[in-house]
């Protein structure tokens, strides 16, 4: 989805020019190779390790006592993430000095889909924001630099220009695994800058109602899309932007989702053996769909303003393929759901009440 090259963030577009998937087996072929890579800001809870000890002094007093959920709701409504003092110099200030703007920033983790759960644990929170990468790049977001890996000239240059990026690591404190990037300011945004927001699964309905009540235009995804492909599969049909009431099995037979009882441990093991690969692809397709479909629409809008004769002479001549592939994740979601529920029917057949009279 995204790649970083020479400090710049790029949208990976190759798959949009691949032949359109026509057979079901093509889904696994494409999505097994497809890598979901993104930048996520997770709203910390005051109980997390970042806000303990010396870190407690870095949080704005007006939010220091707020839970991650309260902070998250405030950001959703105000469309602003407050920057905090952090980095190598945050603990080097005189007692009577307020942290200067030079070391205030908003942090993002650059990670793959299956790495996000570790960031949830570190922040003790499953409330997060995924912004479009071009918006963050336009704000000047840059990766953290470590004093341990810089020479004196480089450190001096960073202090003059980007002191907020400097960190250090040691035997007892090493956060390089975060792949942290920072924006050197309060982050003010609009709805269109946000690809989607993340909430705990058991609060998904609550936050859908909250966005409606407050007239907030966000795509909301449950945290299981990162944490557990099986739990996301069980949740997927309830998502507001899908809103499925029935599922078509064997390509013909429509049934209610409520027909399926909870898995027994034995059934779950067999189902994962049959469909584990498909479930991972389902999670990838969901994230890709909510991120890429709107991002690619900007490209399509741009190309629609160009002359047809020019488009025919360039690599843009495959725009129909791009358009179809941009819709593919949504169709993939549907096809994988039908396949997996057909398999689930077979696995749970003995425990399903089909409503037939004996």
Foldseek 3Di string as FASTA:
>chain_A
DWDADPFDIDDDQVVLLDFDDDDLVVLLVPLVPDWAKFKKAQQFACPAPCCPDPNVVFDDPVCNNPGSVVVLLVCLQQQKAFWTFDADCSVVDDPPDDDDLLQTWGKIFTGTLQCVVVVCRRRVFFKMFTFFRVVVVVLVKGWADEPVPDDPVVQVVCVVPRRNRYHYADPVGDDVVRRMIIRSGIGHDAQNRTLAIEHAPVCQVVVVVVCVVSVGDHQYDYSCLRVPLVVCLLCVCVRPVNVDQWADAPNHDTDGPVQADDDDPVLVVVLCVVCVSLSNSLSVLVSLLSRQLVVVVVVVVVCVPDDPVVCCVDPNVSVVSSNSVSCVSVVSNNVSSRVSVNVSCVSCVVPGDPVDDD
